[in-house]
Each structure stands twice: as structure tokens, then as C-alpha cells.
């Protein structure tokens, strides 16, 4: 007990730093996003569908192999026609991950419960040396 009283500040610092290390893991798990490697596993194991929410001009410069292009501003109208099977995992990707995060909410509203954003977007996909094709 004397140790705790004498070193309360050190204990508080240790708890705070542990909390700061743990916070990104909690935030990442609840945000509906996954890494590029996790996306590859879903594509290979569960036949996940990749939807690129960038504009067509951006999509033409390079995209994930086999991805479908449905721009974010047209997602609500065109996603049901592009991806008919709502039970398959849906992976949303953009340049850096910001637009894909917004697209997850729209996709879930449309009934795609397994919709997830690829964190870091195409940038992280390329950094992981995963295949990219040009239109």
C-alpha cells in the first residue's frame, strides 16, 4: 500500500500510456475497417466484392484487380445493381480510406451488413505490394 501511495504518479502515467496504446485497437475494431492483408483474406476465403468509391478518372489511373467502380456520390443509386448478393462481404476502397469510411454507412443502410472499408485505401494496398490494374 505504501508503494502505491508513494508512486501514485508513476502508476497513473503507466495506466495512461497503456490506455493510449490500447485506444487505436478499440477504435479500429469498431469503425468497420480492415487492413489490406485482411481484405485479401476476405477476397480469397469468402469471395468478398471490392467496390472502389473514387471518381471514374481516379479509378482509371489504377485500382484493385477485379474492383467495381461506384463513385461515392452515386453509391446509394448504383450499389444494388453493381453488387446484388448482400450476404457477401463488401470491401469499400478509395485513395486513402476517408471516402470509403463514409461509404460504409451508406452500404449498411442499403442492407450490406458485412460492408467494411479498407483502411489506408489504395495507398496502403500499393504499399503492401498487392496487385493493381489500370483501366
C-alpha atoms as a PDB file:
ATOM      1  CA  UNK A   1       0.000   0.000   0.000  1.00  0.00           C
ATOM      2  CA  UNK A   2       2.864   2.331   0.844  1.00  0.00           C
ATOM      3  CA  UNK A   3       4.308   1.718  -2.650  1.00  0.00           C
ATOM      4  CA  UNK A   4       1.045   2.828  -4.292  1.00  0.00           C
ATOM      5  CA  UNK A   5       0.837   5.959  -2.165  1.00  0.00           C
ATOM      6  CA  UNK A   6       4.489   6.859  -2.747  1.00  0.00           C
ATOM      7  CA  UNK A   7       4.379   6.187  -6.506  1.00  0.00           C
ATOM      8  CA  UNK A   8       0.840   7.174  -7.482  1.00  0.00           C
ATOM      9  CA  UNK A   9       2.104   9.457 -10.233  1.00  0.00           C
ATOM     10  CA  UNK A  10       4.157   6.694 -11.904  1.00  0.00           C
ATOM     11  CA  UNK A  11       1.206   4.314 -11.720  1.00  0.00           C
ATOM     12  CA  UNK A  12      -1.058   6.956 -13.273  1.00  0.00           C
ATOM     13  CA  UNK A  13       1.433   7.527 -16.114  1.00  0.00           C
ATOM     14  CA  UNK A  14       1.690   3.764 -16.747  1.00  0.00           C
ATOM     15  CA  UNK A  15      -2.108   3.407 -16.890  1.00  0.00           C
ATOM     16  CA  UNK A  16      -2.482   6.423 -19.173  1.00  0.00           C
ATOM     17  CA  UNK A  17       0.189   5.202 -21.603  1.00  0.00           C
ATOM     18  CA  UNK A  18      -1.361   1.728 -21.649  1.00  0.00           C
ATOM     19  CA  UNK A  19      -4.739   3.278 -22.421  1.00  0.00           C
ATOM     20  CA  UNK A  20      -3.265   5.308 -25.272  1.00  0.00           C
ATOM     21  CA  UNK A  21      -1.714   2.158 -26.751  1.00  0.00           C
ATOM     22  CA  UNK A  22      -4.987   0.254 -26.452  1.00  0.00           C
ATOM     23  CA  UNK A  23      -7.260   3.032 -27.828  1.00  0.00           C
ATOM     24  CA  UNK A  24      -6.414   2.657 -31.567  1.00  0.00           C
ATOM     25  CA  UNK A  25      -7.141  -1.058 -31.377  1.00  0.00           C
ATOM     26  CA  UNK A  26     -10.581  -0.365 -29.906  1.00  0.00           C
ATOM     27  CA  UNK A  27     -11.301   2.395 -32.396  1.00  0.00           C
ATOM     28  CA  UNK A  28     -10.167   0.290 -35.365  1.00  0.00           C
ATOM     29  CA  UNK A  29     -12.321  -2.673 -34.365  1.00  0.00           C
ATOM     30  CA  UNK A  30     -15.491  -0.635 -34.162  1.00  0.00           C
ATOM     31  CA  UNK A  31     -15.019   1.506 -37.260  1.00  0.00           C
ATOM     32  CA  UNK A  32     -15.669  -1.266 -39.777  1.00  0.00           C
ATOM     33  CA  UNK A  33     -12.280  -1.091 -41.457  1.00  0.00           C
ATOM     34  CA  UNK A  34      -9.584  -3.655 -42.092  1.00  0.00           C
ATOM     35  CA  UNK A  35      -6.025  -3.824 -43.395  1.00  0.00           C
ATOM     36  CA  UNK A  36      -5.057  -4.615 -46.970  1.00  0.00           C
ATOM     37  CA  UNK A  37      -3.923  -8.104 -45.884  1.00  0.00           C
ATOM     38  CA  UNK A  38      -7.262  -8.685 -44.147  1.00  0.00           C
ATOM     39  CA  UNK A  39      -9.029  -7.621 -47.329  1.00  0.00           C
ATOM     40  CA  UNK A  40      -7.033 -10.144 -49.378  1.00  0.00           C
ATOM     41  CA  UNK A  41      -8.033 -12.899 -46.951  1.00  0.00           C
ATOM     42  CA  UNK A  42     -11.715 -11.981 -47.291  1.00  0.00           C
ATOM     43  CA  UNK A  43     -11.418 -11.884 -51.086  1.00  0.00           C
ATOM     44  CA  UNK A  44      -9.759 -15.308 -51.213  1.00  0.00           C
ATOM     45  CA  UNK A  45     -11.739 -17.117 -48.495  1.00  0.00           C
ATOM     46  CA  UNK A  46     -15.203 -15.567 -48.661  1.00  0.00           C
ATOM     47  CA  UNK A  47     -15.316 -14.191 -52.227  1.00  0.00           C
ATOM     48  CA  UNK A  48     -15.609 -10.604 -50.976  1.00  0.00           C
ATOM     49  CA  UNK A  49     -16.578  -7.990 -53.547  1.00  0.00           C
ATOM     50  CA  UNK A  50     -14.334  -4.911 -53.864  1.00  0.00           C
ATOM     51  CA  UNK A  51     -16.043  -1.617 -54.699  1.00  0.00           C
ATOM     52  CA  UNK A  52     -13.895   1.424 -55.445  1.00  0.00           C
ATOM     53  CA  UNK A  53     -15.776   4.603 -54.467  1.00  0.00           C
ATOM     54  CA  UNK A  54     -13.427   7.014 -56.256  1.00  0.00           C
ATOM     55  CA  UNK A  55     -14.411   9.007 -59.332  1.00  0.00           C
ATOM     56  CA  UNK A  56     -14.038   7.242 -62.726  1.00  0.00           C
ATOM     57  CA  UNK A  57     -10.983   9.340 -63.654  1.00  0.00           C
ATOM     58  CA  UNK A  58      -9.217   8.251 -60.441  1.00  0.00           C
ATOM     59  CA  UNK A  59     -10.333   4.642 -60.955  1.00  0.00           C
ATOM     60  CA  UNK A  60      -8.819   4.618 -64.472  1.00  0.00           C
ATOM     61  CA  UNK A  61      -5.365   5.551 -63.132  1.00  0.00           C
ATOM     62  CA  UNK A  62      -5.203   2.304 -61.137  1.00  0.00           C
ATOM     63  CA  UNK A  63      -7.423   0.158 -58.944  1.00  0.00           C
ATOM     64  CA  UNK A  64      -7.592  -3.148 -57.081  1.00  0.00           C
ATOM     65  CA  UNK A  65      -7.753  -6.060 -59.510  1.00  0.00           C
ATOM     66  CA  UNK A  66     -11.384  -7.005 -60.105  1.00  0.00           C
ATOM     67  CA  UNK A  67     -12.817  -3.956 -58.296  1.00  0.00           C
ATOM     68  CA  UNK A  68     -16.084  -2.391 -59.421  1.00  0.00           C
ATOM     69  CA  UNK A  69     -16.257   1.395 -59.685  1.00  0.00           C
ATOM     70  CA  UNK A  70     -19.237   3.042 -57.990  1.00  0.00           C
ATOM     71  CA  UNK A  71     -18.460   6.698 -57.123  1.00  0.00           C
ATOM     72  CA  UNK A  72     -19.385   7.772 -53.595  1.00  0.00           C
ATOM     73  CA  UNK A  73     -21.954  10.351 -54.742  1.00  0.00           C
ATOM     74  CA  UNK A  74     -23.767   7.629 -56.768  1.00  0.00           C
ATOM     75  CA  UNK A  75     -23.388   4.805 -54.255  1.00  0.00           C
ATOM     76  CA  UNK A  76     -26.963   4.773 -52.998  1.00  0.00           C
ATOM     77  CA  UNK A  77     -28.405   4.539 -56.517  1.00  0.00           C
ATOM     78  CA  UNK A  78     -25.865   2.215 -58.208  1.00  0.00           C
ATOM     79  CA  UNK A  79     -24.596  -0.165 -55.487  1.00  0.00           C
ATOM     80  CA  UNK A  80     -27.638  -2.515 -55.544  1.00  0.00           C
ATOM     81  CA  UNK A  81     -27.155  -3.042 -59.301  1.00  0.00           C
ATOM     82  CA  UNK A  82     -23.367  -3.474 -59.009  1.00  0.00           C
ATOM     83  CA  UNK A  83     -23.462  -5.930 -56.075  1.00  0.00           C
ATOM     84  CA  UNK A  84     -26.617  -7.996 -55.997  1.00  0.00           C
ATOM     85  CA  UNK A  85     -25.638 -10.531 -53.298  1.00  0.00           C
ATOM     86  CA  UNK A  86     -25.908  -8.670 -49.980  1.00  0.00           C
ATOM     87  CA  UNK A  87     -24.675 -11.668 -47.975  1.00  0.00           C
ATOM     88  CA  UNK A  88     -21.131 -11.489 -49.412  1.00  0.00           C
ATOM     89  CA  UNK A  89     -18.562  -9.314 -47.646  1.00  0.00           C
ATOM     90  CA  UNK A  90     -18.333  -5.888 -49.292  1.00  0.00           C
ATOM     91  CA  UNK A  91     -14.961  -4.131 -49.257  1.00  0.00           C
ATOM     92  CA  UNK A  92     -15.047  -0.409 -49.969  1.00  0.00           C
ATOM     93  CA  UNK A  93     -11.844   1.314 -51.037  1.00  0.00           C
ATOM     94  CA  UNK A  94     -10.798   4.799 -52.111  1.00  0.00           C
ATOM     95  CA  UNK A  95      -7.485   6.671 -52.326  1.00  0.00           C
ATOM     96  CA  UNK A  96      -6.754   6.984 -48.583  1.00  0.00           C
ATOM     97  CA  UNK A  97      -9.714   5.419 -46.778  1.00  0.00           C
ATOM     98  CA  UNK A  98     -11.690   8.561 -45.873  1.00  0.00           C
ATOM     99  CA  UNK A  99     -14.385   8.264 -48.556  1.00  0.00           C
ATOM    100  CA  UNK A 100     -14.620   4.513 -48.018  1.00  0.00           C
ATOM    101  CA  UNK A 101     -15.408   5.077 -44.326  1.00  0.00           C
ATOM    102  CA  UNK A 102     -18.328   7.320 -45.316  1.00  0.00           C
ATOM    103  CA  UNK A 103     -19.439   4.737 -47.878  1.00  0.00           C
ATOM    104  CA  UNK A 104     -19.671   2.009 -45.205  1.00  0.00           C
ATOM    105  CA  UNK A 105     -22.593   3.818 -43.534  1.00  0.00           C
ATOM    106  CA  UNK A 106     -24.432   4.099 -46.859  1.00  0.00           C
ATOM    107  CA  UNK A 107     -23.802   0.451 -47.713  1.00  0.00           C
ATOM    108  CA  UNK A 108     -25.044  -0.734 -44.313  1.00  0.00           C
ATOM    109  CA  UNK A 109     -28.148   1.414 -44.730  1.00  0.00           C
ATOM    110  CA  UNK A 110     -28.768  -0.409 -48.032  1.00  0.00           C
ATOM    111  CA  UNK A 111     -28.554  -3.806 -46.287  1.00  0.00           C
ATOM    112  CA  UNK A 112     -24.905  -4.772 -46.815  1.00  0.00           C
ATOM    113  CA  UNK A 113     -24.202  -5.779 -43.215  1.00  0.00           C
ATOM    114  CA  UNK A 114     -20.695  -7.085 -43.982  1.00  0.00           C
ATOM    115  CA  UNK A 115     -19.529  -3.794 -45.527  1.00  0.00           C
ATOM    116  CA  UNK A 116     -16.046  -2.707 -44.446  1.00  0.00           C
ATOM    117  CA  UNK A 117     -13.598  -0.031 -45.536  1.00  0.00           C
ATOM    118  CA  UNK A 118     -10.013  -0.898 -46.403  1.00  0.00           C
ATOM    119  CA  UNK A 119      -8.020   1.307 -44.045  1.00  0.00           C
ATOM    120  CA  UNK A 120      -5.447   3.439 -45.805  1.00  0.00           C
ATOM    121  CA  UNK A 121      -7.233   2.883 -49.115  1.00  0.00           C
ATOM    122  CA  UNK A 122      -5.383   2.216 -52.349  1.00  0.00           C
ATOM    123  CA  UNK A 123      -2.303   3.834 -50.844  1.00  0.00           C
ATOM    124  CA  UNK A 124      -1.961   1.070 -48.240  1.00  0.00           C
ATOM    125  CA  UNK A 125      -2.879  -1.534 -50.885  1.00  0.00           C
ATOM    126  CA  UNK A 126       0.061  -0.397 -53.050  1.00  0.00           C
ATOM    127  CA  UNK A 127       2.384  -0.173 -50.025  1.00  0.00           C
ATOM    128  CA  UNK A 128       1.607  -3.840 -49.313  1.00  0.00           C
ATOM    129  CA  UNK A 129       2.717  -4.638 -52.912  1.00  0.00           C
ATOM    130  CA  UNK A 130      -0.701  -6.031 -53.822  1.00  0.00           C
ATOM    131  CA  UNK A 131      -1.843  -6.162 -57.466  1.00  0.00           C
ATOM    132  CA  UNK A 132      -3.235  -3.038 -59.115  1.00  0.00           C
ATOM    133  CA  UNK A 133      -4.638  -2.831 -62.625  1.00  0.00           C
ATOM    134  CA  UNK A 134      -5.317   0.117 -64.895  1.00  0.00           C
ATOM    135  CA  UNK A 135      -8.468   0.598 -66.935  1.00  0.00           C
END
